PDB file of all heavy atoms in Angstrom:
ATOM      1  N   LEU A   1     120.352 -92.223 -65.802  1.00  0.00           N
ATOM      2  CA  LEU A   1     119.208 -93.015 -66.280  1.00  0.00           C
ATOM      3  C   LEU A   1     119.610 -93.971 -67.399  1.00  0.00           C
ATOM      4  O   LEU A   1     119.134 -95.108 -67.440  1.00  0.00           O
ATOM      5  CB  LEU A   1     118.076 -92.083 -66.751  1.00  0.00           C
ATOM      6  CG  LEU A   1     117.345 -91.324 -65.619  1.00  0.00           C
ATOM      7  CD1 LEU A   1     116.371 -90.329 -66.211  1.00  0.00           C
ATOM      8  CD2 LEU A   1     116.660 -92.301 -64.680  1.00  0.00           C
ATOM      9  N   GLN A   2     120.481 -93.533 -68.302  1.00  0.00           N
ATOM     10  CA  GLN A   2     120.956 -94.418 -69.356  1.00  0.00           C
ATOM     11  C   GLN A   2     121.724 -95.596 -68.752  1.00  0.00           C
ATOM     12  O   GLN A   2     121.505 -96.752 -69.171  1.00  0.00           O
ATOM     13  CB  GLN A   2     121.870 -93.665 -70.325  1.00  0.00           C
ATOM     14  CG  GLN A   2     121.118 -92.738 -71.261  1.00  0.00           C
ATOM     15  CD  GLN A   2     122.065 -91.902 -72.119  1.00  0.00           C
ATOM     16  OE1 GLN A   2     123.143 -91.514 -71.701  1.00  0.00           O
ATOM     17  NE2 GLN A   2     121.607 -91.599 -73.334  1.00  0.00           N
ATOM     18  N   ASP A   3     122.606 -95.325 -67.827  1.00  0.00           N
ATOM     19  CA  ASP A   3     123.362 -96.416 -67.199  1.00  0.00           C
ATOM     20  C   ASP A   3     122.416 -97.395 -66.522  1.00  0.00           C
ATOM     21  O   ASP A   3     122.515 -98.616 -66.717  1.00  0.00           O
ATOM     22  CB  ASP A   3     124.347 -95.856 -66.145  1.00  0.00           C
ATOM     23  CG  ASP A   3     125.617 -95.277 -66.757  1.00  0.00           C
ATOM     24  OD1 ASP A   3     125.850 -95.494 -67.978  1.00  0.00           O
ATOM     25  OD2 ASP A   3     126.352 -94.629 -66.004  1.00  0.00           O
ATOM     26  N   LEU A   4     121.489 -96.881 -65.718  1.00  0.00           N
ATOM     27  CA  LEU A   4     120.575 -97.752 -64.998  1.00  0.00           C
ATOM     28  C   LEU A   4     119.722 -98.566 -65.968  1.00  0.00           C
ATOM     29  O   LEU A   4     119.483 -99.763 -65.751  1.00  0.00           O
ATOM     30  CB  LEU A   4     119.686 -96.948 -64.040  1.00  0.00           C
ATOM     31  CG  LEU A   4     120.448 -96.276 -62.876  1.00  0.00           C
ATOM     32  CD1 LEU A   4     119.491 -95.403 -62.074  1.00  0.00           C
ATOM     33  CD2 LEU A   4     121.123 -97.297 -62.011  1.00  0.00           C
ATOM     34  N   ASN A   5     119.269 -97.963 -67.040  1.00  0.00           N
ATOM     35  CA  ASN A   5     118.467 -98.665 -68.032  1.00  0.00           C
ATOM     36  C   ASN A   5     119.288 -99.775 -68.687  1.00  0.00           C
ATOM     37  O   ASN A   5     118.796-100.909 -68.839  1.00  0.00           O
ATOM     38  CB  ASN A   5     117.919 -97.695 -69.082  1.00  0.00           C
ATOM     39  CG  ASN A   5     116.932 -98.379 -69.985  1.00  0.00           C
ATOM     40  OD1 ASN A   5     115.961 -98.981 -69.518  1.00  0.00           O
ATOM     41  ND2 ASN A   5     117.155 -98.291 -71.293  1.00  0.00           N
ATOM     42  N   GLU A   6     120.510 -99.469 -69.045  1.00  0.00           N
ATOM     43  CA  GLU A   6     121.380-100.519 -69.645  1.00  0.00           C
ATOM     44  C   GLU A   6     121.582-101.681 -68.691  1.00  0.00           C
ATOM     45  O   GLU A   6     121.523-102.846 -69.104  1.00  0.00           O
ATOM     46  CB  GLU A   6     122.752 -99.935 -70.004  1.00  0.00           C
ATOM     47  CG  GLU A   6     122.713 -99.014 -71.213  1.00  0.00           C
ATOM     48  CD  GLU A   6     124.056 -98.394 -71.528  1.00  0.00           C
ATOM     49  OE1 GLU A   6     125.086 -98.796 -70.918  1.00  0.00           O
ATOM     50  OE2 GLU A   6     124.102 -97.494 -72.367  1.00  0.00           O
ATOM     51  N   PHE A   7     121.798-101.390 -67.418  1.00  0.00           N
ATOM     52  CA  PHE A   7     122.020-102.458 -66.450  1.00  0.00           C
ATOM     53  C   PHE A   7     120.777-103.293 -66.245  1.00  0.00           C
ATOM     54  O   PHE A   7     120.850-104.525 -66.206  1.00  0.00           O
ATOM     55  CB  PHE A   7     122.487-101.879 -65.097  1.00  0.00           C
ATOM     56  CG  PHE A   7     123.806-101.172 -65.184  1.00  0.00           C
ATOM     57  CD1 PHE A   7     124.067-100.097 -64.361  1.00  0.00           C
ATOM     58  CD2 PHE A   7     124.803-101.561 -66.078  1.00  0.00           C
ATOM     59  CE1 PHE A   7     125.292 -99.423 -64.415  1.00  0.00           C
ATOM     60  CE2 PHE A   7     126.009-100.879 -66.133  1.00  0.00           C
ATOM     61  CZ  PHE A   7     126.254 -99.822 -65.306  1.00  0.00           C
ATOM     62  N   VAL A   8     119.633-102.657 -66.093  1.00  0.00           N
ATOM     63  CA  VAL A   8     118.386-103.403 -65.870  1.00  0.00           C
ATOM     64  C   VAL A   8     118.078-104.288 -67.046  1.00  0.00           C
ATOM     65  O   VAL A   8     117.786-105.484 -66.880  1.00  0.00           O
ATOM     66  CB  VAL A   8     117.202-102.400 -65.575  1.00  0.00           C
ATOM     67  CG1 VAL A   8     115.854-103.133 -65.620  1.00  0.00           C
ATOM     68  CG2 VAL A   8     117.410-101.733 -64.233  1.00  0.00           C
ATOM     69  N   VAL A   9     118.127-103.772 -68.252  1.00  0.00           N
ATOM     70  CA  VAL A   9     117.809-104.560 -69.441  1.00  0.00           C
ATOM     71  C   VAL A   9     118.834-105.687 -69.621  1.00  0.00           C
ATOM     72  O   VAL A   9     118.470-106.846 -69.851  1.00  0.00           O
ATOM     73  CB  VAL A   9     117.738-103.661 -70.693  1.00  0.00           C
ATOM     74  CG1 VAL A   9     117.614-104.496 -71.967  1.00  0.00           C
ATOM     75  CG2 VAL A   9     116.548-102.700 -70.582  1.00  0.00           C
ATOM     76  N   SER A  10     120.120-105.358 -69.488  1.00  0.00           N
ATOM     77  CA  SER A  10     121.172-106.345 -69.668  1.00  0.00           C
ATOM     78  C   SER A  10     121.086-107.460 -68.627  1.00  0.00           C
ATOM     79  O   SER A  10     121.227-108.652 -68.947  1.00  0.00           O
ATOM     80  CB  SER A  10     122.546-105.690 -69.624  1.00  0.00           C
ATOM     81  OG  SER A  10     122.670-104.786 -70.705  1.00  0.00           O
ATOM     82  N   LEU A  11     120.886-107.097 -67.356  1.00  0.00           N
ATOM     83  CA  LEU A  11     120.779-108.121 -66.311  1.00  0.00           C
ATOM     84  C   LEU A  11     119.549-108.972 -66.499  1.00  0.00           C
ATOM     85  O   LEU A  11     119.578-110.199 -66.239  1.00  0.00           O
ATOM     86  CB  LEU A  11     120.787-107.449 -64.935  1.00  0.00           C
ATOM     87  CG  LEU A  11     122.157-106.883 -64.531  1.00  0.00           C
ATOM     88  CD1 LEU A  11     122.029-106.028 -63.268  1.00  0.00           C
ATOM     89  CD2 LEU A  11     123.195-107.983 -64.339  1.00  0.00           C
ATOM     90  N   ASP A  12     118.458-108.387 -66.965  1.00  0.00           N
ATOM     91  CA  ASP A  12     117.271-109.180 -67.267  1.00  0.00           C
ATOM     92  C   ASP A  12     117.560-110.194 -68.377  1.00  0.00           C
ATOM     93  O   ASP A  12     117.171-111.357 -68.284  1.00  0.00           O
ATOM     94  CB  ASP A  12     116.116-108.257 -67.666  1.00  0.00           C
ATOM     95  CG  ASP A  12     114.850-109.033 -67.946  1.00  0.00           C
ATOM     96  OD1 ASP A  12     114.345-109.695 -67.029  1.00  0.00           O
ATOM     97  OD2 ASP A  12     114.349-108.976 -69.103  1.00  0.00           O
ATOM     98  N   GLN A  13     118.258-109.736 -69.413  1.00  0.00           N
ATOM     99  CA  GLN A  13     118.612-110.635 -70.502  1.00  0.00           C
ATOM    100  C   GLN A  13     119.554-111.740 -70.032  1.00  0.00           C
ATOM    101  O   GLN A  13     119.410-112.899 -70.416  1.00  0.00           O
ATOM    102  CB  GLN A  13     119.220-109.862 -71.663  1.00  0.00           C
ATOM    103  CG  GLN A  13     118.208-108.979 -72.372  1.00  0.00           C
ATOM    104  CD  GLN A  13     118.856-108.074 -73.418  1.00  0.00           C
ATOM    105  OE1 GLN A  13     120.055-107.911 -73.488  1.00  0.00           O
ATOM    106  NE2 GLN A  13     117.999-107.468 -74.257  1.00  0.00           N
ATOM    107  N   LEU A  14     120.516-111.376 -69.168  1.00  0.00           N
ATOM    108  CA  LEU A  14     121.428-112.378 -68.636  1.00  0.00           C
ATOM    109  C   LEU A  14     120.668-113.399 -67.773  1.00  0.00           C
ATOM    110  O   LEU A  14     120.937-114.603 -67.797  1.00  0.00           O
ATOM    111  CB  LEU A  14     122.514-111.715 -67.796  1.00  0.00           C
ATOM    112  CG  LEU A  14     123.649-111.058 -68.602  1.00  0.00           C
ATOM    113  CD1 LEU A  14     124.487-110.162 -67.696  1.00  0.00           C
ATOM    114  CD2 LEU A  14     124.507-112.109 -69.271  1.00  0.00           C
ATOM    115  N   GLY A  15     119.717-112.906 -66.993  1.00  0.00           N
ATOM    116  CA  GLY A  15     118.914-113.809 -66.183  1.00  0.00           C
ATOM    117  C   GLY A  15     118.122-114.782 -67.014  1.00  0.00           C
ATOM    118  O   GLY A  15     118.026-115.979 -66.712  1.00  0.00           O
ATOM    119  N   SER A  16     117.581-114.299 -68.125  1.00  0.00           N
ATOM    120  CA  SER A  16     116.837-115.189 -69.039  1.00  0.00           C
ATOM    121  C   SER A  16     117.762-116.224 -69.650  1.00  0.00           C
ATOM    122  O   SER A  16     117.411-117.398 -69.761  1.00  0.00           O
ATOM    123  CB  SER A  16     116.189-114.355 -70.151  1.00  0.00           C
ATOM    124  OG  SER A  16     115.169-113.548 -69.634  1.00  0.00           O
ATOM    125  N   ARG A  17     118.957-115.770 -70.033  1.00  0.00           N
ATOM    126  CA  ARG A  17     119.927-116.706 -70.614  1.00  0.00           C
ATOM    127  C   ARG A  17     120.348-117.752 -69.586  1.00  0.00           C
ATOM    128  O   ARG A  17     120.505-118.922 -69.924  1.00  0.00           O
ATOM    129  CB  ARG A  17     121.166-115.945 -71.120  1.00  0.00           C
ATOM    130  CG  ARG A  17     120.849-115.151 -72.394  1.00  0.00           C
ATOM    131  CD  ARG A  17     122.063-114.384 -72.899  1.00  0.00           C
ATOM    132  NE  ARG A  17     123.161-115.308 -73.193  1.00  0.00           N
ATOM    133  CZ  ARG A  17     124.414-114.905 -73.410  1.00  0.00           C
ATOM    134  NH1 ARG A  17     124.723-113.626 -73.390  1.00  0.00           N
ATOM    135  NH2 ARG A  17     125.356-115.790 -73.670  1.00  0.00           N
ATOM    136  N   GLN A  18     120.505-117.356 -68.343  1.00  0.00           N
ATOM    137  CA  GLN A  18     120.847-118.321 -67.304  1.00  0.00           C
ATOM    138  C   GLN A  18     119.728-119.323 -67.099  1.00  0.00           C
ATOM    139  O   GLN A  18     119.978-120.508 -66.949  1.00  0.00           O
ATOM    140  CB  GLN A  18     121.148-117.616 -65.960  1.00  0.00           C
ATOM    141  CG  GLN A  18     122.524-117.000 -65.903  1.00  0.00           C
ATOM    142  CD  GLN A  18     122.813-116.401 -64.527  1.00  0.00           C
ATOM    143  OE1 GLN A  18     121.986-115.666 -63.998  1.00  0.00           O
ATOM    144  NE2 GLN A  18     123.971-116.698 -64.003  1.00  0.00           N
ATOM    145  N   ALA A  19     118.504-118.858 -67.143  1.00  0.00           N
ATOM    146  CA  ALA A  19     117.344-119.745 -66.965  1.00  0.00           C
ATOM    147  C   ALA A  19     117.283-120.782 -68.084  1.00  0.00           C
ATOM    148  O   ALA A  19     116.847-121.913 -67.856  1.00  0.00           O
ATOM    149  CB  ALA A  19     116.053-118.919 -66.921  1.00  0.00           C
ATOM    150  N   PHE A  20     117.723-120.416 -69.288  1.00  0.00           N
ATOM    151  CA  PHE A  20     117.696-121.331 -70.399  1.00  0.00           C
ATOM    152  C   PHE A  20     119.012-122.088 -70.570  1.00  0.00           C
ATOM    153  O   PHE A  20     119.199-122.839 -71.518  1.00  0.00           O
ATOM    154  CB  PHE A  20     117.352-120.595 -71.706  1.00  0.00           C
ATOM    155  CG  PHE A  20     115.910-120.202 -71.771  1.00  0.00           C
ATOM    156  CD1 PHE A  20     115.548-118.881 -71.566  1.00  0.00           C
ATOM    157  CD2 PHE A  20     114.907-121.132 -71.999  1.00  0.00           C
ATOM    158  CE1 PHE A  20     114.221-118.497 -71.618  1.00  0.00           C
ATOM    159  CE2 PHE A  20     113.595-120.754 -72.060  1.00  0.00           C
ATOM    160  CZ  PHE A  20     113.221-119.428 -71.856  1.00  0.00           C
ATOM    161  N   GLY A  21     119.945-121.876 -69.637  1.00  0.00           N
ATOM    162  CA  GLY A  21     121.191-122.611 -69.663  1.00  0.00           C
ATOM    163  C   GLY A  21     122.232-122.113 -70.651  1.00  0.00           C
ATOM    164  O   GLY A  21     123.174-122.819 -70.946  1.00  0.00           O
ATOM    165  N   THR A  22     122.063-120.924 -71.218  1.00  0.00           N
ATOM    166  CA  THR A  22     123.014-120.409 -72.186  1.00  0.00           C
ATOM    167  C   THR A  22     123.953-119.369 -71.601  1.00  0.00           C
ATOM    168  O   THR A  22     124.739-118.758 -72.337  1.00  0.00           O
ATOM    169  CB  THR A  22     122.264-119.811 -73.413  1.00  0.00           C
ATOM    170  OG1 THR A  22     121.428-118.740 -72.975  1.00  0.00           O
ATOM    171  CG2 THR A  22     121.453-120.868 -74.131  1.00  0.00           C
ATOM    172  N   ALA A  23     123.904-119.144 -70.308  1.00  0.00           N
ATOM    173  CA  ALA A  23     124.822-118.247 -69.626  1.00  0.00           C
ATOM    174  C   ALA A  23     125.111-118.810 -68.237  1.00  0.00           C
ATOM    175  O   ALA A  23     124.275-119.507 -67.662  1.00  0.00           O
ATOM    176  CB  ALA A  23     124.208-116.851 -69.502  1.00  0.00           C
ATOM    177  N   ASP A  24     126.283-118.524 -67.726  1.00  0.00           N
ATOM    178  CA  ASP A  24     126.655-118.998 -66.397  1.00  0.00           C
ATOM    179  C   ASP A  24     127.243-117.817 -65.616  1.00  0.00           C
ATOM    180  O   ASP A  24     127.199-116.678 -66.065  1.00  0.00           O
ATOM    181  CB  ASP A  24     127.647-120.151 -66.478  1.00  0.00           C
ATOM    182  CG  ASP A  24     128.903-119.792 -67.265  1.00  0.00           C
ATOM    183  OD1 ASP A  24     129.159-118.586 -67.519  1.00  0.00           O
ATOM    184  OD2 ASP A  24     129.655-120.718 -67.609  1.00  0.00           O
ATOM    185  N   GLU A  25     127.793-118.121 -64.423  1.00  0.00           N
ATOM    186  CA  GLU A  25     128.360-117.083 -63.584  1.00  0.00           C
ATOM    187  C   GLU A  25     129.480-116.329 -64.279  1.00  0.00           C
ATOM    188  O   GLU A  25     129.650-115.151 -64.089  1.00  0.00           O
ATOM    189  CB  GLU A  25     128.855-117.675 -62.269  1.00  0.00           C
ATOM    190  CG  GLU A  25     127.756-118.196 -61.372  1.00  0.00           C
ATOM    191  CD  GLU A  25     127.285-119.598 -61.749  1.00  0.00           C
ATOM    192  OE1 GLU A  25     127.971-120.277 -62.573  1.00  0.00           O
ATOM    193  OE2 GLU A  25     126.240-120.015 -61.271  1.00  0.00           O
ATOM    194  N   TYR A  26     130.248-117.028 -65.090  1.00  0.00           N
ATOM    195  CA  TYR A  26     131.345-116.382 -65.819  1.00  0.00           C
ATOM    196  C   TYR A  26     130.781-115.280 -66.722  1.00  0.00           C
ATOM    197  O   TYR A  26     131.347-114.190 -66.805  1.00  0.00           O
ATOM    198  CB  TYR A  26     132.104-117.420 -66.665  1.00  0.00           C
ATOM    199  CG  TYR A  26     133.109-116.754 -67.590  1.00  0.00           C
ATOM    200  CD1 TYR A  26     134.345-116.285 -67.106  1.00  0.00           C
ATOM    201  CD2 TYR A  26     132.824-116.570 -68.927  1.00  0.00           C
ATOM    202  CE1 TYR A  26     135.253-115.678 -67.954  1.00  0.00           C
ATOM    203  CE2 TYR A  26     133.726-115.959 -69.775  1.00  0.00           C
ATOM    204  CZ  TYR A  26     134.946-115.503 -69.287  1.00  0.00           C
ATOM    205  OH  TYR A  26     135.824-114.873 -70.112  1.00  0.00           O
ATOM    206  N   THR A  27     129.672-115.564 -67.418  1.00  0.00           N
ATOM    207  CA  THR A  27     129.067-114.586 -68.301  1.00  0.00           C
ATOM    208  C   THR A  27     128.640-113.347 -67.533  1.00  0.00           C
ATOM    209  O   THR A  27     128.880-112.224 -67.993  1.00  0.00           O
ATOM    210  CB  THR A  27     127.845-115.195 -69.012  1.00  0.00           C
ATOM    211  OG1 THR A  27     128.230-116.443 -69.606  1.00  0.00           O
ATOM    212  CG2 THR A  27     127.283-114.285 -70.079  1.00  0.00           C
ATOM    213  N   VAL A  28     128.044-113.523 -66.396  1.00  0.00           N
ATOM    214  CA  VAL A  28     127.617-112.396 -65.592  1.00  0.00           C
ATOM    215  C   VAL A  28     128.844-111.610 -65.091  1.00  0.00           C
ATOM    216  O   VAL A  28     128.875-110.393 -65.160  1.00  0.00           O
ATOM    217  CB  VAL A  28     126.736-112.860 -64.393  1.00  0.00           C
ATOM    218  CG1 VAL A  28     126.398-111.682 -63.467  1.00  0.00           C
ATOM    219  CG2 VAL A  28     125.471-113.538 -64.868  1.00  0.00           C
ATOM    220  N   GLY A  29     129.872-112.322 -64.626  1.00  0.00           N
ATOM    221  CA  GLY A  29     131.080-111.663 -64.186  1.00  0.00           C
ATOM    222  C   GLY A  29     131.754-110.889 -65.302  1.00  0.00           C
ATOM    223  O   GLY A  29     132.255-109.771 -65.093  1.00  0.00           O
ATOM    224  N   LYS A  30     131.731-111.458 -66.495  1.00  0.00           N
ATOM    225  CA  LYS A  30     132.337-110.782 -67.667  1.00  0.00           C
ATOM    226  C   LYS A  30     131.550-109.501 -67.972  1.00  0.00           C
ATOM    227  O   LYS A  30     132.151-108.455 -68.269  1.00  0.00           O
ATOM    228  CB  LYS A  30     132.351-111.714 -68.853  1.00  0.00           C
ATOM    229  CG  LYS A  30     133.072-111.154 -70.065  1.00  0.00           C
ATOM    230  CD  LYS A  30     133.404-112.241 -71.042  1.00  0.00           C
ATOM    231  CE  LYS A  30     133.990-111.723 -72.341  1.00  0.00           C
ATOM    232  NZ  LYS A  30     134.936-110.630 -72.243  1.00  0.00           N
ATOM    233  N   PHE A  31     130.237-109.563 -67.896  1.00  0.00           N
ATOM    234  CA  PHE A  31     129.397-108.383 -68.120  1.00  0.00           C
ATOM    235  C   PHE A  31     129.761-107.302 -67.108  1.00  0.00           C
ATOM    236  O   PHE A  31     129.983-106.133 -67.472  1.00  0.00           O
ATOM    237  CB  PHE A  31     127.902-108.735 -68.027  1.00  0.00           C
ATOM    238  CG  PHE A  31     127.027-107.540 -67.824  1.00  0.00           C
ATOM    239  CD1 PHE A  31     126.776-106.659 -68.872  1.00  0.00           C
ATOM    240  CD2 PHE A  31     126.466-107.270 -66.598  1.00  0.00           C
ATOM    241  CE1 PHE A  31     125.967-105.521 -68.707  1.00  0.00           C
ATOM    242  CE2 PHE A  31     125.661-106.152 -66.417  1.00  0.00           C
ATOM    243  CZ  PHE A  31     125.409-105.287 -67.465  1.00  0.00           C
ATOM    244  N   VAL A  32     129.835-107.675 -65.837  1.00  0.00           N
ATOM    245  CA  VAL A  32     130.121-106.700 -64.773  1.00  0.00           C
ATOM    246  C   VAL A  32     131.492-106.046 -65.011  1.00  0.00           C
ATOM    247  O   VAL A  32     131.620-104.830 -64.876  1.00  0.00           O
ATOM    248  CB  VAL A  32     130.059-107.362 -63.379  1.00  0.00           C
ATOM    249  CG1 VAL A  32     130.610-106.474 -62.293  1.00  0.00           C
ATOM    250  CG2 VAL A  32     128.616-107.784 -63.060  1.00  0.00           C
TER     251      VAL A  32
END
């Protein structure tokens, strides 16, 4: 549950950053 919660929250934050242009595919790949 901790892992899943971290992934859901982090991916949501990354998605928001992508929407605002402050993150790209590299950022997501680095997170993964």
